[in-house]
N, C-alpha and C. Protein backbone atom coordinates (compact mmCIF):
# COMPACT_ATOMS: atom_id res chain seq x y z
N UNK A 1 -4.63 8.03 1.90
CA UNK A 1 -4.75 9.16 0.95
C UNK A 1 -5.77 10.14 1.27
N UNK A 2 -5.51 11.53 1.21
CA UNK A 2 -6.65 12.50 1.59
C UNK A 2 -7.29 12.72 0.26
N UNK A 3 -8.37 13.36 0.53
CA UNK A 3 -9.64 13.62 -0.48
C UNK A 3 -8.96 14.51 -1.65
N UNK A 4 -8.17 15.54 -1.22
CA UNK A 4 -7.62 16.61 -2.33
C UNK A 4 -6.71 15.62 -3.42
N UNK A 5 -5.93 14.97 -2.78
CA UNK A 5 -5.05 14.16 -3.77
C UNK A 5 -5.90 13.20 -4.67
N UNK A 6 -6.75 12.49 -4.10
CA UNK A 6 -7.77 11.60 -4.69
C UNK A 6 -8.45 12.43 -5.85
N UNK A 7 -8.84 13.51 -5.52
CA UNK A 7 -9.70 14.38 -6.39
C UNK A 7 -8.91 14.75 -7.66
N UNK A 8 -7.61 15.16 -7.37
CA UNK A 8 -6.62 15.45 -8.60
C UNK A 8 -6.51 14.39 -9.43
N UNK A 9 -6.38 13.06 -9.07
CA UNK A 9 -6.45 11.89 -9.87
C UNK A 9 -7.57 11.80 -10.69
N UNK A 10 -8.93 11.96 -10.07
CA UNK A 10 -10.03 11.87 -10.65
C UNK A 10 -10.39 12.94 -11.76
N UNK A 11 -9.84 14.27 -11.40
CA UNK A 11 -9.91 15.05 -12.31
C UNK A 11 -9.19 14.88 -13.67
N UNK A 12 -8.03 14.13 -13.53
CA UNK A 12 -7.28 13.78 -14.61
C UNK A 12 -8.05 12.68 -15.52
N UNK A 13 -8.53 11.84 -14.83
CA UNK A 13 -9.64 10.78 -15.47
C UNK A 13 -10.91 11.73 -16.33
N UNK A 14 -11.23 12.69 -15.53
CA UNK A 14 -12.49 13.34 -16.28
C UNK A 14 -12.03 14.13 -17.41
N UNK A 15 -10.88 14.34 -17.43
CA UNK A 15 -10.46 15.24 -18.61
C UNK A 15 -10.19 14.30 -19.81
N UNK A 16 -9.78 13.05 -19.35
CA UNK A 16 -9.39 12.12 -20.58
C UNK A 16 -10.84 11.46 -21.01
N UNK A 17 -11.91 11.35 -20.07
CA UNK A 17 -13.04 10.75 -20.33
C UNK A 17 -14.29 11.62 -20.07
N UNK A 18 -15.41 11.10 -20.17
CA UNK A 18 -16.63 11.94 -19.59
C UNK A 18 -16.54 12.19 -18.25
N UNK A 19 -17.11 13.41 -17.62
CA UNK A 19 -17.23 13.57 -16.42
C UNK A 19 -17.72 12.55 -15.61
N UNK A 20 -17.42 12.46 -14.27
CA UNK A 20 -18.21 11.28 -13.46
C UNK A 20 -19.55 11.41 -13.43
N UNK A 21 -20.27 12.62 -13.29
CA UNK A 21 -21.63 12.78 -13.30
C UNK A 21 -21.88 14.08 -14.09
N UNK A 22 -23.15 14.25 -14.65
CA UNK A 22 -23.41 15.32 -15.26
C UNK A 22 -23.79 16.57 -14.51
N UNK A 23 -24.29 16.43 -13.29
CA UNK A 23 -24.75 17.56 -12.42
C UNK A 23 -23.88 17.53 -11.21
N UNK A 24 -23.55 18.80 -10.56
CA UNK A 24 -22.49 18.82 -9.56
C UNK A 24 -22.86 18.26 -8.37
N UNK A 25 -24.15 18.11 -7.93
CA UNK A 25 -24.49 17.40 -6.60
C UNK A 25 -24.34 16.02 -6.94
N UNK A 26 -24.70 15.33 -7.94
CA UNK A 26 -24.51 14.02 -8.44
C UNK A 26 -23.01 13.59 -8.43
N UNK A 27 -22.14 14.75 -8.95
CA UNK A 27 -20.70 14.42 -8.93
C UNK A 27 -20.22 14.24 -7.43
N UNK A 28 -20.61 15.02 -6.52
CA UNK A 28 -20.08 14.97 -5.44
C UNK A 28 -20.30 13.71 -4.57
N UNK A 29 -21.69 13.15 -4.67
CA UNK A 29 -22.00 12.05 -4.10
C UNK A 29 -21.22 10.82 -4.85
N UNK A 30 -21.18 10.64 -6.13
CA UNK A 30 -20.16 9.64 -6.83
C UNK A 30 -18.72 9.66 -6.42
N UNK A 31 -18.31 10.97 -6.26
CA UNK A 31 -16.78 11.20 -5.85
C UNK A 31 -16.67 10.62 -4.44
N UNK A 32 -17.77 10.75 -3.58
CA UNK A 32 -17.56 10.14 -2.17
C UNK A 32 -17.47 8.74 -2.08
N UNK A 33 -18.33 8.16 -3.03
CA UNK A 33 -18.45 6.72 -3.11
C UNK A 33 -17.13 6.11 -3.73
N UNK A 34 -16.50 6.68 -4.65
CA UNK A 34 -15.28 6.34 -5.29
C UNK A 34 -14.16 6.38 -4.39
N UNK A 35 -14.01 7.49 -3.59
CA UNK A 35 -13.17 7.65 -2.48
C UNK A 35 -13.29 6.74 -1.48
N UNK A 36 -14.46 6.40 -0.92
CA UNK A 36 -14.58 5.37 0.04
C UNK A 36 -14.00 4.07 -0.35
N UNK A 37 -14.22 3.75 -1.56
CA UNK A 37 -13.69 2.29 -2.04
C UNK A 37 -12.29 2.51 -2.22
N UNK A 38 -11.76 3.51 -2.72
CA UNK A 38 -10.23 3.76 -3.26
C UNK A 38 -9.14 4.37 -2.25
N UNK A 39 -9.78 4.81 -1.11
CA UNK A 39 -8.98 5.56 -0.13
C UNK A 39 -7.60 4.68 0.27
N UNK A 40 -7.96 3.51 0.38
CA UNK A 40 -6.74 2.81 0.98
C UNK A 40 -5.73 2.49 -0.28
N UNK A 41 -5.76 2.73 -1.29
CA UNK A 41 -5.14 2.46 -2.46
C UNK A 41 -3.77 3.22 -2.17
N UNK A 42 -2.62 2.89 -2.70
CA UNK A 42 -1.28 3.50 -2.54
C UNK A 42 -1.55 4.89 -3.54
N UNK A 43 -1.08 6.08 -3.33
CA UNK A 43 -1.18 7.14 -3.92
C UNK A 43 -0.45 6.93 -5.28
N UNK A 44 0.79 6.56 -5.10
CA UNK A 44 1.68 6.49 -6.35
C UNK A 44 1.11 5.34 -7.20
N UNK A 45 0.64 4.16 -6.94
CA UNK A 45 -0.09 3.42 -7.93
C UNK A 45 -1.40 3.77 -8.32
N UNK A 46 -2.21 4.67 -7.49
CA UNK A 46 -3.25 5.23 -8.14
C UNK A 46 -3.10 6.26 -9.24
N UNK A 47 -1.79 6.92 -9.10
CA UNK A 47 -1.38 7.90 -10.29
C UNK A 47 -0.95 6.89 -11.37
N UNK A 48 -0.20 5.82 -11.26
CA UNK A 48 0.08 5.16 -12.40
C UNK A 48 -0.93 4.43 -13.03
N UNK A 49 -1.95 4.02 -12.30
CA UNK A 49 -3.25 3.56 -12.70
C UNK A 49 -4.13 4.44 -13.61
N UNK A 50 -3.96 5.69 -13.24
CA UNK A 50 -4.80 6.75 -13.97
C UNK A 50 -3.96 6.95 -15.31
N UNK A 51 -2.66 6.87 -15.19
CA UNK A 51 -1.82 7.11 -16.49
C UNK A 51 -2.13 5.79 -17.57
N UNK A 52 -2.25 4.46 -16.77
CA UNK A 52 -2.51 3.41 -17.80
C UNK A 52 -4.08 3.57 -18.13
N UNK A 53 -4.96 3.89 -17.58
CA UNK A 53 -6.20 4.01 -17.91
C UNK A 53 -6.24 5.09 -19.25
N UNK A 54 -5.62 6.18 -18.97
CA UNK A 54 -5.61 7.17 -20.11
C UNK A 54 -4.96 6.75 -21.37
N UNK A 55 -4.09 5.74 -21.09
CA UNK A 55 -3.39 5.28 -22.51
C UNK A 55 -4.29 4.11 -22.96
N UNK A 56 -4.98 3.13 -22.21
CA UNK A 56 -5.46 1.86 -22.70
C UNK A 56 -7.11 1.78 -22.67
N UNK A 57 -7.64 2.68 -21.84
CA UNK A 57 -9.10 2.30 -21.74
C UNK A 57 -9.72 2.92 -22.91
N UNK A 58 -10.57 2.10 -23.49
CA UNK A 58 -11.18 2.05 -24.89
C UNK A 58 -12.61 2.69 -24.82
N UNK A 59 -13.26 2.76 -23.65
CA UNK A 59 -14.63 3.34 -23.67
C UNK A 59 -14.47 4.73 -23.33
N UNK A 60 -15.59 5.34 -23.71
CA UNK A 60 -15.67 7.00 -23.49
C UNK A 60 -16.44 7.48 -22.08
N UNK A 61 -16.96 6.30 -21.41
CA UNK A 61 -17.50 6.71 -20.29
C UNK A 61 -16.38 6.81 -19.20
N UNK A 62 -16.72 7.39 -18.05
CA UNK A 62 -15.66 7.33 -16.98
C UNK A 62 -15.67 5.73 -16.33
N UNK A 63 -14.25 5.39 -15.94
CA UNK A 63 -14.07 4.04 -15.54
C UNK A 63 -14.80 3.62 -14.33
N UNK A 64 -15.22 2.44 -14.24
CA UNK A 64 -15.80 1.94 -12.97
C UNK A 64 -14.60 1.75 -11.82
N UNK A 65 -15.26 1.59 -10.60
CA UNK A 65 -14.34 1.44 -9.58
C UNK A 65 -13.52 0.16 -9.70
N UNK A 66 -14.35 -1.02 -10.20
CA UNK A 66 -13.47 -2.19 -10.49
C UNK A 66 -12.48 -2.21 -11.57
N UNK A 67 -12.69 -1.26 -12.45
CA UNK A 67 -11.63 -1.04 -13.67
C UNK A 67 -10.59 -0.12 -13.06
N UNK A 68 -10.84 0.60 -12.24
CA UNK A 68 -9.72 1.40 -11.59
C UNK A 68 -8.80 0.24 -10.75
N UNK A 69 -9.55 -0.35 -9.84
CA UNK A 69 -8.80 -1.42 -9.11
C UNK A 69 -7.93 -2.42 -9.87
N UNK A 70 -8.47 -2.80 -11.07
CA UNK A 70 -7.68 -3.74 -11.98
C UNK A 70 -6.60 -2.97 -12.48
N UNK A 71 -6.79 -1.63 -12.85
CA UNK A 71 -5.65 -0.95 -13.31
C UNK A 71 -4.57 -0.70 -12.36
N UNK A 72 -4.95 -0.63 -11.06
CA UNK A 72 -4.04 -0.47 -9.96
C UNK A 72 -3.16 -1.80 -9.85
N UNK A 73 -3.94 -2.80 -9.99
CA UNK A 73 -3.26 -4.20 -9.97
C UNK A 73 -2.22 -4.10 -10.98
N UNK A 74 -2.84 -3.82 -12.24
CA UNK A 74 -1.70 -3.88 -13.39
C UNK A 74 -0.57 -3.03 -13.19
N UNK A 75 -0.59 -1.76 -12.67
CA UNK A 75 0.26 -1.02 -12.39
C UNK A 75 1.37 -1.64 -11.26
N UNK A 76 0.69 -2.18 -10.34
CA UNK A 76 1.65 -2.95 -9.30
C UNK A 76 2.34 -3.93 -10.01
N UNK A 77 1.71 -4.91 -10.69
CA UNK A 77 2.42 -5.98 -11.26
C UNK A 77 3.42 -5.40 -12.39
N UNK A 78 3.33 -4.18 -12.92
CA UNK A 78 4.37 -3.90 -13.87
C UNK A 78 5.56 -3.36 -13.21
N UNK A 79 5.33 -3.03 -11.81
CA UNK A 79 6.53 -2.66 -11.15
C UNK A 79 7.54 -3.88 -10.63
N UNK A 80 6.81 -5.12 -10.67
CA UNK A 80 7.60 -6.29 -10.50
C UNK A 80 8.17 -6.67 -11.68
N UNK A 81 9.57 -6.63 -11.95
CA UNK A 81 10.14 -7.00 -13.28
C UNK A 81 10.59 -8.47 -12.98
N UNK A 82 9.96 -9.33 -13.95
CA UNK A 82 10.43 -10.65 -13.97
C UNK A 82 11.74 -10.86 -14.81
N UNK A 83 12.71 -11.31 -14.19
CA UNK A 83 13.96 -11.67 -14.82
C UNK A 83 14.08 -12.81 -15.46
N UNK A 84 14.84 -12.93 -16.57
CA UNK A 84 14.90 -14.16 -17.43
C UNK A 84 15.42 -15.28 -16.52
N UNK A 85 15.17 -16.53 -16.70
CA UNK A 85 15.76 -17.62 -15.82
C UNK A 85 17.40 -17.66 -16.08
N UNK A 86 18.09 -17.73 -15.01
CA UNK A 86 19.51 -17.72 -15.08
C UNK A 86 20.17 -16.36 -14.67
N UNK A 87 19.27 -15.27 -14.79
CA UNK A 87 19.91 -13.83 -14.47
C UNK A 87 19.41 -13.44 -13.08
N UNK A 88 19.15 -14.36 -12.16
CA UNK A 88 18.84 -13.99 -10.80
C UNK A 88 19.71 -13.36 -10.06
N UNK A 89 19.18 -12.62 -9.03
CA UNK A 89 20.20 -11.62 -8.18
C UNK A 89 21.06 -12.70 -7.51
N UNK A 90 22.28 -12.27 -7.29
CA UNK A 90 23.34 -13.34 -6.43
C UNK A 90 23.08 -13.06 -5.00
N UNK A 91 22.44 -12.17 -4.45
CA UNK A 91 22.26 -11.93 -3.11
C UNK A 91 20.83 -12.58 -2.62
N UNK A 92 19.71 -12.74 -3.40
CA UNK A 92 18.58 -13.38 -3.15
C UNK A 92 17.84 -14.39 -3.86
N UNK A 93 18.82 -14.68 -4.71
CA UNK A 93 18.48 -15.81 -5.79
C UNK A 93 16.98 -15.56 -6.52
N UNK A 94 16.72 -14.30 -6.63
CA UNK A 94 15.32 -14.01 -7.40
C UNK A 94 14.20 -14.10 -6.48
N UNK A 95 14.38 -14.31 -5.05
CA UNK A 95 13.17 -14.28 -4.27
C UNK A 95 12.71 -12.90 -3.67
N UNK A 96 13.75 -11.95 -3.80
CA UNK A 96 13.38 -10.85 -3.20
C UNK A 96 13.74 -10.51 -1.79
N UNK A 97 14.12 -11.70 -1.10
CA UNK A 97 14.38 -11.66 0.33
C UNK A 97 15.93 -12.15 0.63
N UNK A 98 16.55 -11.37 1.40
CA UNK A 98 17.86 -11.76 1.91
C UNK A 98 17.63 -12.25 3.40
N UNK A 99 18.27 -13.42 3.66
CA UNK A 99 18.25 -14.09 4.79
C UNK A 99 19.60 -13.93 5.46
N UNK A 100 19.75 -13.35 6.88
CA UNK A 100 21.09 -13.03 7.26
C UNK A 100 21.07 -13.67 8.73
N UNK A 101 22.13 -13.99 9.29
CA UNK A 101 22.19 -14.45 10.63
C UNK A 101 22.16 -13.44 11.69
N UNK A 102 21.81 -13.49 12.83
CA UNK A 102 21.63 -12.37 13.81
C UNK A 102 21.73 -13.11 15.27
N UNK A 103 22.64 -12.67 16.06
CA UNK A 103 22.79 -13.00 17.47
C UNK A 103 22.21 -11.83 18.20
N UNK A 104 21.13 -12.38 19.08
CA UNK A 104 20.69 -11.35 19.96
C UNK A 104 21.30 -11.10 21.15
N UNK A 105 20.68 -10.30 21.94
CA UNK A 105 21.49 -9.85 23.20
C UNK A 105 21.83 -11.00 24.31
N UNK A 106 21.03 -12.08 24.14
CA UNK A 106 21.31 -13.31 24.95
C UNK A 106 22.22 -14.35 24.45
N UNK A 107 22.83 -13.86 23.26
CA UNK A 107 23.88 -14.80 22.47
C UNK A 107 23.15 -16.03 21.62
N UNK A 108 21.85 -15.86 21.34
CA UNK A 108 21.14 -16.88 20.77
C UNK A 108 21.13 -16.38 19.28
N UNK A 109 21.38 -17.53 18.43
CA UNK A 109 21.44 -17.14 16.96
C UNK A 109 20.05 -17.27 16.27
N UNK A 110 19.77 -16.43 15.45
CA UNK A 110 18.48 -16.45 14.79
C UNK A 110 18.70 -16.02 13.33
N UNK A 111 17.76 -16.06 12.40
CA UNK A 111 17.76 -15.51 11.08
C UNK A 111 16.94 -14.52 10.95
N UNK A 112 17.32 -13.52 10.13
CA UNK A 112 16.43 -12.58 9.95
C UNK A 112 16.30 -12.23 8.32
N UNK A 113 15.15 -12.15 7.89
CA UNK A 113 14.68 -12.00 6.58
C UNK A 113 14.41 -10.32 6.18
N UNK A 114 14.98 -9.90 5.40
CA UNK A 114 14.72 -8.55 4.98
C UNK A 114 14.67 -8.24 3.41
N UNK A 115 14.04 -7.31 2.84
CA UNK A 115 13.96 -7.35 1.45
C UNK A 115 15.40 -7.04 0.74
N UNK A 116 15.52 -7.52 -0.41
CA UNK A 116 16.78 -7.39 -1.10
C UNK A 116 16.99 -5.85 -1.60
N UNK A 117 18.11 -5.30 -1.54
CA UNK A 117 18.40 -3.92 -1.84
C UNK A 117 19.00 -3.94 -3.13
N UNK A 118 19.41 -5.05 -3.88
CA UNK A 118 20.27 -5.36 -5.00
C UNK A 118 19.37 -5.62 -6.17
N UNK A 119 18.01 -5.68 -6.23
CA UNK A 119 17.50 -6.18 -7.26
C UNK A 119 15.99 -5.46 -7.42
N UNK A 120 15.39 -5.73 -8.60
CA UNK A 120 14.00 -5.06 -8.80
C UNK A 120 12.86 -5.81 -7.79
N UNK A 121 13.15 -7.28 -7.81
CA UNK A 121 12.10 -7.96 -7.03
C UNK A 121 12.20 -7.55 -5.65
N UNK A 122 13.31 -7.31 -4.94
CA UNK A 122 13.66 -6.86 -3.76
C UNK A 122 12.83 -5.60 -3.59
N UNK A 123 13.17 -4.66 -4.33
CA UNK A 123 12.52 -3.17 -4.26
C UNK A 123 10.84 -3.50 -4.30
N UNK A 124 10.27 -4.25 -5.20
CA UNK A 124 8.88 -4.62 -5.15
C UNK A 124 8.51 -5.14 -3.92
N UNK A 125 9.17 -5.94 -3.42
CA UNK A 125 8.75 -6.75 -2.01
C UNK A 125 8.63 -5.61 -0.99
N UNK A 126 9.76 -4.78 -1.05
CA UNK A 126 9.78 -3.60 0.15
C UNK A 126 8.61 -2.84 -0.12
N UNK A 127 8.38 -2.44 -1.32
CA UNK A 127 7.19 -1.58 -1.64
C UNK A 127 5.89 -2.20 -0.92
N UNK A 128 5.75 -3.32 -1.48
CA UNK A 128 4.59 -4.35 -0.99
C UNK A 128 4.46 -4.27 0.58
N UNK A 129 5.50 -4.32 1.22
CA UNK A 129 5.43 -4.60 2.60
C UNK A 129 5.10 -3.16 3.29
N UNK A 130 5.78 -2.03 2.62
CA UNK A 130 5.41 -0.70 3.09
C UNK A 130 3.86 -0.48 2.97
N UNK A 131 3.29 -1.03 1.90
CA UNK A 131 1.75 -0.61 1.79
C UNK A 131 1.00 -1.42 2.81
N UNK A 132 1.54 -2.62 3.04
CA UNK A 132 0.70 -3.52 3.90
C UNK A 132 0.95 -2.85 5.53
N UNK A 133 2.10 -2.40 5.69
CA UNK A 133 2.41 -1.88 6.78
C UNK A 133 1.58 -0.68 7.30
N UNK A 134 1.39 0.27 6.27
CA UNK A 134 0.59 1.56 6.35
C UNK A 134 -0.92 1.08 6.59
N UNK A 135 -1.39 0.04 5.72
CA UNK A 135 -2.66 -0.51 6.07
C UNK A 135 -3.07 -0.92 7.48
N UNK A 136 -2.05 -1.59 8.04
CA UNK A 136 -2.32 -2.15 9.30
C UNK A 136 -1.53 -1.43 10.55
N UNK A 137 -0.88 -0.35 10.07
CA UNK A 137 -0.23 0.44 11.12
C UNK A 137 -1.07 1.15 12.19
N UNK A 138 -2.30 1.42 11.79
CA UNK A 138 -3.14 2.06 12.72
C UNK A 138 -3.51 1.09 13.99
N UNK A 139 -3.85 -0.05 13.37
CA UNK A 139 -4.37 -1.33 14.31
C UNK A 139 -3.06 -1.60 15.33
N UNK A 140 -1.90 -1.62 14.91
CA UNK A 140 -0.69 -1.91 15.65
C UNK A 140 -0.51 -0.70 16.57
N UNK A 141 -0.52 0.59 16.19
CA UNK A 141 -0.49 1.72 17.24
C UNK A 141 -1.51 1.60 18.18
N UNK A 142 -2.65 1.26 17.95
CA UNK A 142 -3.69 1.22 18.89
C UNK A 142 -3.41 -0.08 19.86
N UNK A 143 -2.96 -1.16 19.40
CA UNK A 143 -2.62 -2.20 20.16
C UNK A 143 -1.34 -1.99 21.21
N UNK A 144 -0.36 -1.33 20.74
CA UNK A 144 0.76 -0.75 21.56
C UNK A 144 0.26 0.04 22.65
N UNK A 145 -0.63 1.05 22.25
CA UNK A 145 -1.07 1.84 23.27
C UNK A 145 -2.03 1.11 24.48
N UNK A 146 -2.76 0.02 23.91
CA UNK A 146 -3.36 -0.77 24.91
C UNK A 146 -2.62 -1.42 25.88
N UNK A 147 -1.41 -2.00 25.34
CA UNK A 147 -0.35 -2.78 25.96
C UNK A 147 0.23 -1.94 26.91
N UNK A 148 0.69 -0.60 26.65
CA UNK A 148 1.29 0.32 27.57
C UNK A 148 0.43 0.66 28.70
N UNK A 149 -0.95 0.90 28.38
CA UNK A 149 -1.82 1.53 29.30
C UNK A 149 -1.77 0.10 30.34
N UNK A 150 -2.05 -0.87 30.11
CA UNK A 150 -2.28 -2.18 30.90
C UNK A 150 -1.08 -2.27 31.59
N UNK A 151 0.09 -2.05 31.18
CA UNK A 151 1.35 -2.29 31.95
C UNK A 151 1.49 -1.19 33.04
N UNK A 152 1.20 0.04 32.61
CA UNK A 152 1.03 1.15 33.65
C UNK A 152 -0.04 0.88 34.94
N UNK A 153 -1.16 0.42 34.51
CA UNK A 153 -2.10 0.06 35.38
C UNK A 153 -1.83 -1.12 36.33
N UNK A 154 -1.00 -1.97 35.64
CA UNK A 154 -0.76 -3.25 36.51
C UNK A 154 0.49 -2.82 37.46
N UNK A 155 1.26 -1.91 36.96
CA UNK A 155 2.57 -1.51 37.92
C UNK A 155 2.08 -0.69 39.06
N UNK A 156 0.83 0.00 38.95
CA UNK A 156 0.43 0.63 40.06
C UNK A 156 0.10 -0.20 41.52
N UNK A 157 0.62 0.56 42.70
CA UNK A 157 0.44 -0.12 43.80
C UNK A 157 -0.89 -0.35 44.40
N UNK A 158 -1.12 -1.39 45.07
CA UNK A 158 -2.62 -1.72 45.56
C UNK A 158 -3.06 -0.68 46.30
N UNK A 159 -4.25 -0.20 46.44
CA UNK A 159 -4.87 0.84 46.89
C UNK A 159 -4.85 0.47 48.53
N UNK A 160 -4.97 -0.80 48.88
CA UNK A 160 -5.08 -1.31 50.16
C UNK A 160 -3.79 -0.98 51.03
N UNK A 161 -2.72 -0.82 50.34
CA UNK A 161 -1.36 -0.70 51.08
C UNK A 161 -1.49 0.78 51.58
N UNK A 162 -2.06 1.77 51.20
CA UNK A 162 -2.15 3.00 51.55
C UNK A 162 -3.11 3.26 52.80
């Protein structure tokens, strides 16, 4: 999440409660601290957490970082709808995962698990996977680049042959 989007959420909180700091230079410093701690949070969940804090936060002071984290957790948990027993999804039996058979190019049979598209639990699983993929995506991209570079270097002919 970039700083501009984050600051919009902070401004919403400042309108509902006291400002983050009384002086402008103090505000900039505190805003940077809040941003560093919360920049990896999902933008949608942060927005829901801000709405939740505006509705339920009982103090007049600006929320602490830990309170914002707990509101993000509550917003994430509210997205996962717990169905009553006996009303489970027929595709995933309430787990959120659908397992299907897959035959690869060599004719070997495997099982593949994917998030269920037919129930709220599956949608929550898919969103959680997307958040995690976004967090570790940068590391994967770097690793793939390193592997490709190594393969290219290994495929170069020996210099002694020329």
